[in-house]
N, C-alpha and C. Protein backbone atom coordinates (compact mmCIF):
# COMPACT_ATOMS: atom_id res chain seq x y z
N ASP A 1 35.66 -8.64 116.41
CA ASP A 1 35.04 -9.35 117.51
C ASP A 1 36.13 -10.08 118.32
N LEU A 2 35.72 -10.81 119.35
CA LEU A 2 36.65 -11.49 120.24
C LEU A 2 37.50 -12.52 119.50
N PHE A 3 36.85 -13.30 118.61
CA PHE A 3 37.57 -14.35 117.88
C PHE A 3 38.70 -13.75 117.04
N GLN A 4 38.38 -12.64 116.35
CA GLN A 4 39.40 -12.00 115.52
C GLN A 4 40.55 -11.45 116.37
N GLY A 5 40.21 -10.93 117.57
CA GLY A 5 41.23 -10.41 118.46
C GLY A 5 42.18 -11.51 118.93
N VAL A 6 41.62 -12.66 119.29
CA VAL A 6 42.44 -13.80 119.71
C VAL A 6 43.32 -14.27 118.57
N HIS A 7 42.75 -14.35 117.37
CA HIS A 7 43.51 -14.79 116.20
C HIS A 7 44.69 -13.85 115.94
N LEU A 8 44.46 -12.53 116.10
CA LEU A 8 45.52 -11.56 115.88
C LEU A 8 46.64 -11.72 116.90
N LEU A 9 46.27 -11.92 118.16
CA LEU A 9 47.27 -12.07 119.21
C LEU A 9 48.11 -13.32 119.00
N LEU A 10 47.45 -14.40 118.58
CA LEU A 10 48.19 -15.64 118.31
C LEU A 10 49.13 -15.47 117.14
N SER A 11 48.68 -14.72 116.12
CA SER A 11 49.54 -14.47 114.97
C SER A 11 50.76 -13.66 115.37
N LEU A 12 50.55 -12.65 116.22
CA LEU A 12 51.67 -11.83 116.67
C LEU A 12 52.63 -12.63 117.51
N SER A 13 52.11 -13.59 118.27
CA SER A 13 52.97 -14.36 119.16
C SER A 13 53.96 -15.22 118.40
N THR A 14 53.63 -15.56 117.13
CA THR A 14 54.56 -16.38 116.35
C THR A 14 55.82 -15.61 116.00
N PHE A 15 55.77 -14.29 116.14
CA PHE A 15 56.94 -13.47 115.85
C PHE A 15 57.73 -13.10 117.10
N THR A 16 57.38 -13.68 118.24
CA THR A 16 58.11 -13.45 119.48
C THR A 16 58.62 -14.78 119.99
N PRO A 17 59.75 -15.28 119.45
CA PRO A 17 60.25 -16.60 119.80
C PRO A 17 60.48 -16.81 121.29
N LEU A 18 60.86 -15.75 122.02
CA LEU A 18 61.13 -15.92 123.44
C LEU A 18 59.87 -16.20 124.24
N SER A 19 58.68 -15.98 123.66
CA SER A 19 57.45 -16.25 124.38
C SER A 19 56.97 -17.69 124.17
N LYS A 20 57.69 -18.45 123.33
CA LYS A 20 57.33 -19.83 123.06
C LYS A 20 58.43 -20.75 123.57
N PRO A 21 58.07 -21.88 124.18
CA PRO A 21 59.11 -22.78 124.69
C PRO A 21 59.83 -23.51 123.55
N PHE A 22 61.12 -23.61 123.65
CA PHE A 22 61.90 -24.39 122.70
C PHE A 22 61.94 -25.83 123.19
N THR A 23 61.60 -26.75 122.32
CA THR A 23 61.54 -28.16 122.72
C THR A 23 62.63 -29.00 122.08
N SER A 24 63.45 -28.40 121.21
CA SER A 24 64.60 -29.09 120.65
C SER A 24 65.64 -28.05 120.27
N ALA A 25 66.88 -28.49 120.10
CA ALA A 25 67.97 -27.56 119.77
C ALA A 25 67.69 -26.82 118.47
N LEU A 26 67.07 -27.50 117.51
CA LEU A 26 66.83 -26.90 116.20
C LEU A 26 65.71 -25.86 116.23
N ASP A 27 64.93 -25.82 117.32
CA ASP A 27 63.89 -24.80 117.46
C ASP A 27 64.49 -23.41 117.67
N ILE A 28 65.68 -23.36 118.20
CA ILE A 28 66.28 -22.09 118.60
C ILE A 28 66.83 -21.36 117.39
N PRO A 29 66.43 -20.13 117.17
CA PRO A 29 66.91 -19.37 116.01
C PRO A 29 68.43 -19.24 116.00
N VAL A 30 69.01 -19.25 114.81
CA VAL A 30 70.46 -19.15 114.66
C VAL A 30 70.99 -17.89 115.33
N GLU A 31 70.25 -16.78 115.19
CA GLU A 31 70.74 -15.52 115.75
C GLU A 31 70.81 -15.54 117.27
N PHE A 32 69.99 -16.38 117.90
CA PHE A 32 70.06 -16.53 119.36
C PHE A 32 71.40 -17.13 119.76
N VAL A 33 71.83 -18.13 118.99
CA VAL A 33 73.11 -18.79 119.28
C VAL A 33 74.26 -17.85 118.98
N GLU A 34 74.17 -17.15 117.87
CA GLU A 34 75.24 -16.23 117.46
C GLU A 34 75.41 -15.09 118.45
N LYS A 35 74.30 -14.66 119.06
CA LYS A 35 74.35 -13.56 120.02
C LYS A 35 74.51 -14.05 121.46
N ASN A 36 74.68 -15.38 121.63
CA ASN A 36 74.91 -15.97 122.96
C ASN A 36 73.83 -15.57 123.95
N VAL A 37 72.58 -15.71 123.52
CA VAL A 37 71.43 -15.38 124.36
C VAL A 37 71.38 -16.31 125.58
N LYS A 38 70.95 -15.76 126.70
CA LYS A 38 70.80 -16.54 127.92
C LYS A 38 69.33 -16.90 128.11
N LEU A 39 69.06 -18.19 128.30
CA LEU A 39 67.70 -18.69 128.49
C LEU A 39 67.60 -19.34 129.87
N ARG A 40 66.37 -19.61 130.28
CA ARG A 40 66.18 -20.26 131.57
C ARG A 40 65.29 -21.49 131.39
N GLY A 41 65.37 -22.38 132.37
CA GLY A 41 64.55 -23.58 132.31
C GLY A 41 64.60 -24.34 133.62
N THR A 42 63.84 -25.41 133.69
CA THR A 42 63.85 -26.27 134.88
C THR A 42 64.53 -27.58 134.53
N LEU A 43 65.38 -28.02 135.45
CA LEU A 43 66.14 -29.25 135.26
C LEU A 43 65.24 -30.47 135.46
N HIS A 44 65.33 -31.43 134.55
CA HIS A 44 64.56 -32.68 134.69
C HIS A 44 65.46 -33.88 134.96
N HIS A 45 66.51 -34.03 134.18
CA HIS A 45 67.39 -35.20 134.34
C HIS A 45 68.85 -34.80 134.12
N ILE A 46 69.73 -35.55 134.78
CA ILE A 46 71.17 -35.42 134.56
C ILE A 46 71.64 -36.73 133.94
N THR A 47 72.12 -36.67 132.71
CA THR A 47 72.53 -37.87 131.99
C THR A 47 74.00 -37.76 131.57
N GLU A 48 74.54 -38.85 131.05
CA GLU A 48 75.92 -38.83 130.55
C GLU A 48 76.06 -37.91 129.35
N LYS A 49 74.97 -37.67 128.64
CA LYS A 49 75.01 -36.81 127.45
C LYS A 49 74.87 -35.34 127.80
N GLY A 50 74.34 -35.03 128.98
CA GLY A 50 74.15 -33.65 129.38
C GLY A 50 72.94 -33.48 130.28
N LEU A 51 72.56 -32.24 130.51
CA LEU A 51 71.40 -31.93 131.34
C LEU A 51 70.16 -31.81 130.47
N GLU A 52 69.08 -32.46 130.89
CA GLU A 52 67.82 -32.35 130.17
C GLU A 52 66.99 -31.27 130.86
N VAL A 53 66.73 -30.21 130.11
CA VAL A 53 66.12 -29.01 130.68
C VAL A 53 64.85 -28.64 129.91
N GLU A 54 63.82 -28.28 130.65
CA GLU A 54 62.58 -27.77 130.05
C GLU A 54 62.68 -26.25 129.96
N HIS A 55 62.67 -25.72 128.76
CA HIS A 55 62.78 -24.28 128.57
C HIS A 55 61.56 -23.56 129.10
N ILE A 56 61.80 -22.47 129.83
CA ILE A 56 60.71 -21.62 130.31
C ILE A 56 60.78 -20.32 129.53
N PRO A 57 59.80 -20.06 128.68
CA PRO A 57 59.83 -18.83 127.88
C PRO A 57 59.44 -17.62 128.69
N ILE A 58 59.67 -16.44 128.11
CA ILE A 58 59.19 -15.21 128.72
C ILE A 58 57.67 -15.24 128.73
N SER A 59 57.09 -14.90 129.86
CA SER A 59 55.64 -14.98 130.01
C SER A 59 54.98 -13.68 129.54
N ILE A 60 54.06 -13.83 128.61
CA ILE A 60 53.26 -12.70 128.14
C ILE A 60 51.81 -12.98 128.53
N PRO A 61 51.25 -12.18 129.44
CA PRO A 61 49.88 -12.43 129.91
C PRO A 61 48.90 -12.63 128.75
N PHE A 62 47.97 -13.50 128.95
CA PHE A 62 46.90 -13.81 128.01
C PHE A 62 47.42 -14.65 126.85
N ILE A 63 48.45 -14.16 126.12
CA ILE A 63 48.98 -14.94 125.00
C ILE A 63 49.55 -16.25 125.51
N THR A 64 50.31 -16.20 126.62
CA THR A 64 50.94 -17.40 127.16
C THR A 64 49.91 -18.43 127.56
N SER A 65 48.82 -18.00 128.21
CA SER A 65 47.80 -18.94 128.66
C SER A 65 47.12 -19.61 127.48
N ILE A 66 46.94 -18.89 126.37
CA ILE A 66 46.33 -19.46 125.18
C ILE A 66 47.28 -20.43 124.49
N GLN A 67 48.58 -20.04 124.41
CA GLN A 67 49.57 -20.87 123.74
C GLN A 67 49.73 -22.23 124.39
N ARG A 68 49.60 -22.28 125.73
CA ARG A 68 49.83 -23.53 126.46
C ARG A 68 48.95 -24.67 125.94
N LYS A 69 47.78 -24.33 125.43
CA LYS A 69 46.85 -25.37 124.98
C LYS A 69 47.37 -26.12 123.75
N TRP A 70 48.26 -25.46 122.96
CA TRP A 70 48.75 -26.09 121.73
C TRP A 70 50.26 -26.37 121.76
N GLN A 71 50.91 -26.02 122.87
CA GLN A 71 52.36 -26.18 122.92
C GLN A 71 52.75 -27.65 123.02
N SER A 72 53.77 -28.03 122.25
CA SER A 72 54.30 -29.38 122.34
C SER A 72 55.26 -29.45 123.51
N LYS A 73 55.49 -30.66 124.00
CA LYS A 73 56.38 -30.87 125.13
C LYS A 73 57.71 -31.42 124.63
N GLY A 74 58.77 -31.04 125.29
CA GLY A 74 60.08 -31.56 124.92
C GLY A 74 61.15 -30.96 125.80
N LEU A 75 62.27 -31.68 125.94
CA LEU A 75 63.36 -31.23 126.77
C LEU A 75 64.58 -30.93 125.91
N LEU A 76 65.30 -29.87 126.28
CA LEU A 76 66.53 -29.51 125.61
C LEU A 76 67.69 -30.25 126.26
N LEU A 77 68.62 -30.72 125.44
CA LEU A 77 69.83 -31.35 125.95
C LEU A 77 70.92 -30.29 126.03
N VAL A 78 71.33 -29.97 127.25
CA VAL A 78 72.29 -28.89 127.50
C VAL A 78 73.60 -29.49 128.00
N ARG A 79 74.69 -29.21 127.28
CA ARG A 79 76.01 -29.70 127.69
C ARG A 79 76.81 -28.57 128.32
N LEU A 80 77.68 -28.93 129.26
CA LEU A 80 78.57 -27.96 129.90
C LEU A 80 79.73 -27.69 128.95
N ALA A 81 79.69 -26.54 128.30
CA ALA A 81 80.70 -26.21 127.29
C ALA A 81 82.08 -26.10 127.92
N GLY A 82 83.09 -26.63 127.21
CA GLY A 82 84.47 -26.49 127.65
C GLY A 82 84.87 -27.40 128.79
N VAL A 83 84.04 -28.39 129.09
CA VAL A 83 84.31 -29.28 130.23
C VAL A 83 84.21 -30.74 129.81
N GLU A 84 85.24 -31.50 130.13
CA GLU A 84 85.21 -32.96 129.98
C GLU A 84 84.94 -33.53 131.36
N LEU A 85 83.71 -33.96 131.58
CA LEU A 85 83.24 -34.35 132.90
C LEU A 85 83.80 -35.71 133.32
N ALA A 86 84.32 -35.80 134.54
CA ALA A 86 84.74 -37.07 135.11
C ALA A 86 83.53 -37.76 135.73
N PRO A 87 83.58 -39.10 135.95
CA PRO A 87 82.45 -39.78 136.60
C PRO A 87 82.08 -39.16 137.94
N SER A 88 83.09 -38.70 138.67
CA SER A 88 82.82 -38.06 139.96
C SER A 88 82.08 -36.74 139.76
N GLY A 89 82.27 -36.11 138.60
CA GLY A 89 81.56 -34.88 138.29
C GLY A 89 80.08 -35.13 138.09
N MET A 90 79.76 -36.26 137.46
CA MET A 90 78.36 -36.63 137.27
C MET A 90 77.69 -36.85 138.62
N ALA A 91 78.38 -37.55 139.52
CA ALA A 91 77.83 -37.80 140.86
C ALA A 91 77.63 -36.50 141.62
N TRP A 92 78.57 -35.57 141.46
CA TRP A 92 78.47 -34.27 142.14
C TRP A 92 77.26 -33.49 141.65
N LEU A 93 77.05 -33.48 140.34
CA LEU A 93 75.89 -32.79 139.78
C LEU A 93 74.58 -33.38 140.31
N GLN A 94 74.53 -34.70 140.37
CA GLN A 94 73.31 -35.36 140.84
C GLN A 94 73.05 -35.05 142.31
N GLN A 95 74.12 -34.81 143.05
CA GLN A 95 73.97 -34.49 144.48
C GLN A 95 73.64 -33.02 144.69
N GLU A 96 74.24 -32.14 143.91
CA GLU A 96 74.10 -30.70 144.11
C GLU A 96 72.81 -30.13 143.52
N LEU A 97 72.39 -30.67 142.39
CA LEU A 97 71.21 -30.12 141.71
C LEU A 97 69.95 -30.88 142.11
N LYS A 98 68.87 -30.14 142.22
CA LYS A 98 67.60 -30.73 142.63
C LYS A 98 66.66 -30.85 141.43
N PRO A 99 65.79 -31.87 141.44
CA PRO A 99 64.79 -31.98 140.37
C PRO A 99 63.93 -30.73 140.30
N ARG A 100 63.66 -30.29 139.09
CA ARG A 100 62.85 -29.10 138.83
C ARG A 100 63.54 -27.81 139.27
N GLN A 101 64.85 -27.87 139.51
CA GLN A 101 65.58 -26.67 139.89
C GLN A 101 65.71 -25.73 138.69
N MET A 102 65.62 -24.44 138.95
CA MET A 102 65.76 -23.45 137.90
C MET A 102 67.23 -23.28 137.53
N VAL A 103 67.52 -23.29 136.25
CA VAL A 103 68.88 -23.05 135.77
C VAL A 103 68.83 -22.03 134.63
N TRP A 104 69.93 -21.32 134.46
CA TRP A 104 70.10 -20.42 133.32
C TRP A 104 71.17 -21.01 132.43
N PHE A 105 70.97 -20.95 131.12
CA PHE A 105 71.98 -21.49 130.22
C PHE A 105 72.22 -20.51 129.07
N GLN A 106 73.49 -20.11 128.94
CA GLN A 106 73.89 -19.16 127.92
C GLN A 106 74.37 -19.92 126.69
N LEU A 107 73.76 -19.64 125.55
CA LEU A 107 74.04 -20.37 124.33
C LEU A 107 75.41 -19.99 123.76
N LEU A 108 76.24 -21.01 123.52
CA LEU A 108 77.54 -20.80 122.88
C LEU A 108 77.63 -21.52 121.54
N GLY A 109 76.93 -22.63 121.42
CA GLY A 109 76.93 -23.40 120.18
C GLY A 109 75.86 -24.47 120.24
N ARG A 110 75.66 -25.15 119.12
CA ARG A 110 74.68 -26.23 119.08
C ARG A 110 74.97 -27.15 117.90
N ASP A 111 74.45 -28.37 118.01
CA ASP A 111 74.39 -29.26 116.86
C ASP A 111 72.93 -29.68 116.72
N ASP A 112 72.67 -30.75 115.98
CA ASP A 112 71.28 -31.14 115.74
C ASP A 112 70.56 -31.57 117.03
N LEU A 113 71.32 -32.06 118.01
CA LEU A 113 70.70 -32.66 119.18
C LEU A 113 70.93 -31.91 120.48
N ALA A 114 72.03 -31.18 120.59
CA ALA A 114 72.41 -30.62 121.89
C ALA A 114 72.87 -29.17 121.78
N LEU A 115 72.87 -28.51 122.94
CA LEU A 115 73.32 -27.13 123.06
C LEU A 115 74.59 -27.09 123.90
N GLU A 116 75.57 -26.31 123.46
CA GLU A 116 76.78 -26.08 124.24
C GLU A 116 76.58 -24.78 125.00
N CYS A 117 76.64 -24.84 126.34
CA CYS A 117 76.25 -23.68 127.14
C CYS A 117 77.11 -23.49 128.38
N LEU A 118 77.11 -22.24 128.86
CA LEU A 118 77.49 -21.96 130.23
C LEU A 118 76.22 -22.11 131.06
N VAL A 119 76.28 -22.91 132.11
CA VAL A 119 75.09 -23.17 132.92
C VAL A 119 75.27 -22.54 134.29
N LEU A 120 74.28 -21.74 134.69
CA LEU A 120 74.35 -21.04 135.97
C LEU A 120 73.17 -21.41 136.86
N VAL A 121 73.44 -21.55 138.15
CA VAL A 121 72.38 -21.80 139.13
C VAL A 121 72.49 -20.75 140.23
N ASN A 122 71.36 -20.36 140.78
CA ASN A 122 71.34 -19.37 141.85
C ASN A 122 71.72 -20.02 143.18
N LYS A 123 72.59 -19.33 143.91
CA LYS A 123 72.97 -19.75 145.26
C LYS A 123 72.68 -18.58 146.19
N GLY A 124 71.44 -18.46 146.58
CA GLY A 124 71.07 -17.29 147.37
C GLY A 124 70.48 -16.22 146.47
N ARG A 125 70.12 -15.11 147.08
CA ARG A 125 69.38 -14.07 146.38
C ARG A 125 70.22 -13.36 145.33
N PHE A 126 71.50 -13.10 145.65
CA PHE A 126 72.31 -12.28 144.76
C PHE A 126 73.52 -13.04 144.20
N LEU A 127 73.61 -14.31 144.45
CA LEU A 127 74.79 -15.08 144.03
C LEU A 127 74.40 -16.19 143.06
N SER A 128 75.15 -16.30 141.98
CA SER A 128 74.95 -17.41 141.04
C SER A 128 76.29 -18.09 140.81
N VAL A 129 76.25 -19.37 140.52
CA VAL A 129 77.45 -20.17 140.31
C VAL A 129 77.43 -20.74 138.90
N CYS A 130 78.55 -20.62 138.20
CA CYS A 130 78.68 -21.23 136.88
C CYS A 130 79.13 -22.66 137.07
N LEU A 131 78.29 -23.62 136.67
CA LEU A 131 78.60 -25.03 136.87
C LEU A 131 79.85 -25.46 136.10
N ASN A 132 80.07 -24.87 134.92
CA ASN A 132 81.25 -25.22 134.13
C ASN A 132 82.52 -24.97 134.94
N GLU A 133 82.60 -23.79 135.56
CA GLU A 133 83.77 -23.43 136.36
C GLU A 133 83.83 -24.23 137.65
N GLU A 134 82.69 -24.41 138.29
CA GLU A 134 82.67 -25.08 139.59
C GLU A 134 83.12 -26.54 139.48
N ILE A 135 82.70 -27.21 138.40
CA ILE A 135 83.14 -28.59 138.17
C ILE A 135 84.67 -28.66 138.11
N LEU A 136 85.27 -27.75 137.36
CA LEU A 136 86.73 -27.72 137.23
C LEU A 136 87.39 -27.30 138.53
N ARG A 137 86.79 -26.36 139.24
CA ARG A 137 87.34 -25.86 140.50
C ARG A 137 87.37 -26.97 141.56
N GLN A 138 86.41 -27.89 141.47
CA GLN A 138 86.35 -29.00 142.41
C GLN A 138 87.20 -30.19 141.97
N GLY A 139 87.83 -30.08 140.80
CA GLY A 139 88.64 -31.17 140.30
C GLY A 139 87.82 -32.35 139.81
N LEU A 140 86.64 -32.07 139.26
CA LEU A 140 85.72 -33.12 138.84
C LEU A 140 85.62 -33.22 137.32
N GLY A 141 86.58 -32.62 136.63
CA GLY A 141 86.62 -32.67 135.17
C GLY A 141 87.85 -31.97 134.66
N ARG A 142 88.02 -31.97 133.34
CA ARG A 142 89.15 -31.31 132.69
C ARG A 142 88.62 -30.28 131.70
N THR A 143 89.45 -29.29 131.42
CA THR A 143 89.07 -28.33 130.39
C THR A 143 89.11 -29.01 129.02
N ALA A 144 88.24 -28.56 128.15
CA ALA A 144 88.16 -29.10 126.79
C ALA A 144 87.84 -27.96 125.83
N ARG A 145 87.91 -28.24 124.56
CA ARG A 145 87.57 -27.24 123.56
C ARG A 145 86.11 -26.80 123.74
N ILE A 146 85.86 -25.51 123.59
CA ILE A 146 84.49 -25.00 123.67
C ILE A 146 83.87 -25.13 122.29
N GLU A 147 83.09 -26.15 122.11
CA GLU A 147 82.48 -26.42 120.81
C GLU A 147 81.45 -25.33 120.48
N GLY A 148 81.43 -24.95 119.21
CA GLY A 148 80.45 -23.97 118.76
C GLY A 148 81.00 -22.57 118.63
N LEU A 149 82.09 -22.27 119.35
CA LEU A 149 82.73 -20.96 119.24
C LEU A 149 83.98 -21.07 118.39
N HIS A 150 84.25 -20.04 117.58
CA HIS A 150 85.49 -20.01 116.81
C HIS A 150 86.66 -19.86 117.78
N HIS A 151 87.64 -20.76 117.65
CA HIS A 151 88.71 -20.77 118.65
C HIS A 151 89.65 -19.57 118.55
N ASP A 152 89.49 -18.75 117.50
CA ASP A 152 90.29 -17.53 117.40
C ASP A 152 89.51 -16.28 117.81
N SER A 153 88.31 -16.49 118.36
CA SER A 153 87.49 -15.34 118.77
C SER A 153 87.87 -14.88 120.17
N HIS A 154 87.56 -13.61 120.44
CA HIS A 154 87.86 -13.06 121.77
C HIS A 154 87.04 -13.77 122.84
N LEU A 155 85.77 -14.05 122.56
CA LEU A 155 84.91 -14.70 123.55
C LEU A 155 85.42 -16.09 123.89
N TYR A 156 85.90 -16.83 122.87
CA TYR A 156 86.41 -18.19 123.11
C TYR A 156 87.52 -18.15 124.15
N TRP A 157 88.51 -17.27 123.94
CA TRP A 157 89.66 -17.26 124.84
C TRP A 157 89.33 -16.63 126.18
N LYS A 158 88.40 -15.72 126.20
CA LYS A 158 87.96 -15.15 127.47
C LYS A 158 87.36 -16.24 128.36
N LEU A 159 86.49 -17.05 127.78
CA LEU A 159 85.85 -18.12 128.54
C LEU A 159 86.83 -19.25 128.85
N HIS A 160 87.66 -19.58 127.85
CA HIS A 160 88.61 -20.68 128.05
C HIS A 160 89.61 -20.34 129.15
N LYS A 161 90.01 -19.08 129.22
CA LYS A 161 90.94 -18.65 130.27
C LYS A 161 90.29 -18.80 131.65
N ARG A 162 88.99 -18.47 131.74
CA ARG A 162 88.27 -18.66 133.00
C ARG A 162 88.26 -20.12 133.41
N LEU A 163 88.02 -21.00 132.45
CA LEU A 163 87.96 -22.43 132.75
C LEU A 163 89.33 -22.98 133.13
N LEU A 164 90.36 -22.55 132.44
CA LEU A 164 91.72 -22.98 132.77
C LEU A 164 92.11 -22.52 134.17
N ARG A 165 91.71 -21.30 134.52
CA ARG A 165 92.02 -20.77 135.84
C ARG A 165 91.33 -21.62 136.93
N ALA A 166 90.08 -22.02 136.66
CA ALA A 166 89.35 -22.86 137.61
C ALA A 166 90.02 -24.22 137.76
N GLU A 167 90.47 -24.79 136.65
CA GLU A 167 91.15 -26.09 136.70
C GLU A 167 92.47 -25.98 137.46
N LEU A 168 93.17 -24.88 137.25
CA LEU A 168 94.46 -24.68 137.92
C LEU A 168 94.29 -24.63 139.44
N ARG A 169 93.19 -24.07 139.90
CA ARG A 169 92.92 -24.03 141.35
C ARG A 169 92.80 -25.44 141.91
N ALA A 170 92.11 -26.32 141.16
CA ALA A 170 91.99 -27.71 141.62
C ALA A 170 93.34 -28.41 141.60
N LEU A 171 94.16 -28.12 140.59
CA LEU A 171 95.51 -28.69 140.51
C LEU A 171 96.34 -28.30 141.73
N LYS A 172 96.31 -27.02 142.06
CA LYS A 172 97.11 -26.52 143.17
C LYS A 172 96.65 -27.07 144.51
N LYS A 173 95.33 -27.26 144.64
CA LYS A 173 94.77 -27.71 145.92
C LYS A 173 94.64 -29.23 146.01
N ASN A 174 95.12 -29.92 144.96
CA ASN A 174 95.13 -31.39 145.01
C ASN A 174 93.72 -31.95 145.20
N LYS A 175 92.77 -31.43 144.43
CA LYS A 175 91.37 -31.80 144.61
C LYS A 175 90.88 -32.73 143.50
N GLY A 176 89.90 -33.55 143.85
CA GLY A 176 89.23 -34.38 142.85
C GLY A 176 90.16 -35.33 142.12
N ILE A 177 90.11 -35.28 140.78
CA ILE A 177 90.90 -36.20 139.96
C ILE A 177 92.39 -35.95 140.07
N TRP A 178 92.79 -34.81 140.64
CA TRP A 178 94.21 -34.47 140.78
C TRP A 178 94.77 -34.92 142.12
N LYS A 179 93.97 -35.54 142.95
CA LYS A 179 94.41 -35.95 144.27
C LYS A 179 95.40 -37.12 144.17
N GLY A 180 96.44 -37.05 144.98
CA GLY A 180 97.38 -38.17 145.05
C GLY A 180 98.61 -38.01 144.20
N GLU A 181 98.71 -36.93 143.42
CA GLU A 181 99.91 -36.67 142.63
C GLU A 181 100.53 -35.37 143.11
N SER A 182 101.84 -35.24 142.95
CA SER A 182 102.48 -33.98 143.28
C SER A 182 102.06 -32.93 142.24
N TYR A 183 102.20 -31.68 142.60
CA TYR A 183 101.82 -30.60 141.70
C TYR A 183 102.60 -30.67 140.39
N SER A 184 103.90 -30.93 140.49
CA SER A 184 104.73 -31.00 139.28
C SER A 184 104.31 -32.17 138.40
N GLU A 185 103.92 -33.30 139.02
CA GLU A 185 103.47 -34.45 138.25
C GLU A 185 102.17 -34.15 137.53
N ARG A 186 101.29 -33.42 138.19
CA ARG A 186 100.00 -33.10 137.58
C ARG A 186 100.18 -32.13 136.42
N ILE A 187 101.07 -31.15 136.61
CA ILE A 187 101.36 -30.20 135.52
C ILE A 187 101.99 -30.94 134.35
N ARG A 188 102.92 -31.85 134.65
CA ARG A 188 103.59 -32.62 133.59
C ARG A 188 102.58 -33.49 132.84
N ASP A 189 101.62 -34.04 133.59
CA ASP A 189 100.58 -34.86 132.96
C ASP A 189 99.75 -34.04 132.00
N ARG A 190 99.40 -32.80 132.41
CA ARG A 190 98.60 -31.94 131.54
C ARG A 190 99.40 -31.50 130.32
N ILE A 191 100.70 -31.22 130.53
CA ILE A 191 101.53 -30.80 129.40
C ILE A 191 101.74 -31.93 128.41
N SER A 192 101.78 -33.15 128.91
CA SER A 192 101.97 -34.30 128.01
C SER A 192 100.73 -34.60 127.19
N ASN A 193 99.60 -34.01 127.60
CA ASN A 193 98.36 -34.19 126.85
C ASN A 193 98.41 -33.30 125.61
N ASN A 194 98.39 -33.89 124.43
CA ASN A 194 98.56 -33.14 123.19
C ASN A 194 97.51 -32.05 123.02
N LYS A 195 96.27 -32.34 123.40
CA LYS A 195 95.21 -31.35 123.24
C LYS A 195 95.47 -30.13 124.12
N PHE A 196 96.01 -30.39 125.30
CA PHE A 196 96.30 -29.29 126.21
C PHE A 196 97.41 -28.40 125.65
N VAL A 197 98.45 -29.04 125.12
CA VAL A 197 99.56 -28.28 124.53
C VAL A 197 99.07 -27.47 123.34
N ARG A 198 98.25 -28.09 122.51
CA ARG A 198 97.74 -27.40 121.33
C ARG A 198 96.90 -26.19 121.73
N THR A 199 96.10 -26.35 122.79
CA THR A 199 95.29 -25.24 123.26
C THR A 199 96.15 -24.09 123.76
N LEU A 200 97.21 -24.42 124.51
CA LEU A 200 98.11 -23.39 125.00
C LEU A 200 98.78 -22.63 123.86
N LYS A 201 99.21 -23.36 122.83
CA LYS A 201 99.84 -22.72 121.67
C LYS A 201 98.87 -21.79 120.97
N GLN A 202 97.61 -22.23 120.85
CA GLN A 202 96.59 -21.40 120.21
C GLN A 202 96.34 -20.14 121.02
N PHE A 203 96.35 -20.30 122.35
CA PHE A 203 96.12 -19.16 123.22
C PHE A 203 97.26 -18.14 123.10
N VAL A 204 98.50 -18.63 123.09
CA VAL A 204 99.66 -17.74 122.95
C VAL A 204 99.61 -17.01 121.62
N SER A 205 99.25 -17.74 120.54
CA SER A 205 99.15 -17.14 119.23
C SER A 205 98.09 -16.04 119.20
N TRP A 206 96.93 -16.35 119.81
CA TRP A 206 95.84 -15.36 119.87
C TRP A 206 96.26 -14.15 120.68
N LEU A 207 96.97 -14.38 121.82
CA LEU A 207 97.39 -13.30 122.69
C LEU A 207 98.36 -12.36 121.95
N ARG A 208 99.29 -12.94 121.22
CA ARG A 208 100.26 -12.14 120.47
C ARG A 208 99.57 -11.29 119.41
N SER A 209 98.62 -11.91 118.69
CA SER A 209 97.92 -11.16 117.63
C SER A 209 97.07 -10.05 118.24
N SER A 210 96.52 -10.27 119.44
CA SER A 210 95.71 -9.24 120.10
C SER A 210 96.58 -8.07 120.52
N ILE A 211 97.79 -8.37 121.02
CA ILE A 211 98.69 -7.32 121.49
C ILE A 211 99.22 -6.50 120.30
N SER A 212 99.59 -7.24 119.22
CA SER A 212 100.13 -6.55 118.05
C SER A 212 99.08 -5.74 117.32
N GLY A 213 97.78 -6.19 117.44
CA GLY A 213 96.69 -5.47 116.79
C GLY A 213 96.30 -4.25 117.57
């Protein structure tokens, strides 16, 4: 009968995680993080801890409408992976992003409270911008370790190289936090930063092992 049919559909829906909204970092299956799944959501708040995003699941007709009646509400805390945001970066995000704007976030890592992600927003019909790179390109932050990824993995260095390249553009163009110093002074400042030197050494080591392998 109808009741049994509804019960069956609801039971099946429990096995399709993408059809249910995630309301906390721990809701997301481990394999989603390991496979760097890309999710979408609507932006609610921009805070010092990260972006608060409401996950929008894949819509399955009929099942989705029934699930909404019992779904709990909650926002995911999404951090810009590999970026140490400057105060001016926070102001830029608040100016550029609109409330309830759609964002895509690719999972790279997580802890109990937050997700480390690449965050993308659409700029026109066929163009999207990665906020992680754009922040660095505008000189509104510094590159940092990408938490959640093994630093000797190919994906880690592929993404880290992209972020370093974006930061270098801001250095060369004297933008944002790099404004007011000569190029050589800015490079010297970055080299004097122990974390930056350590990252470069790790990258060289990884590059050599990749070439020799």
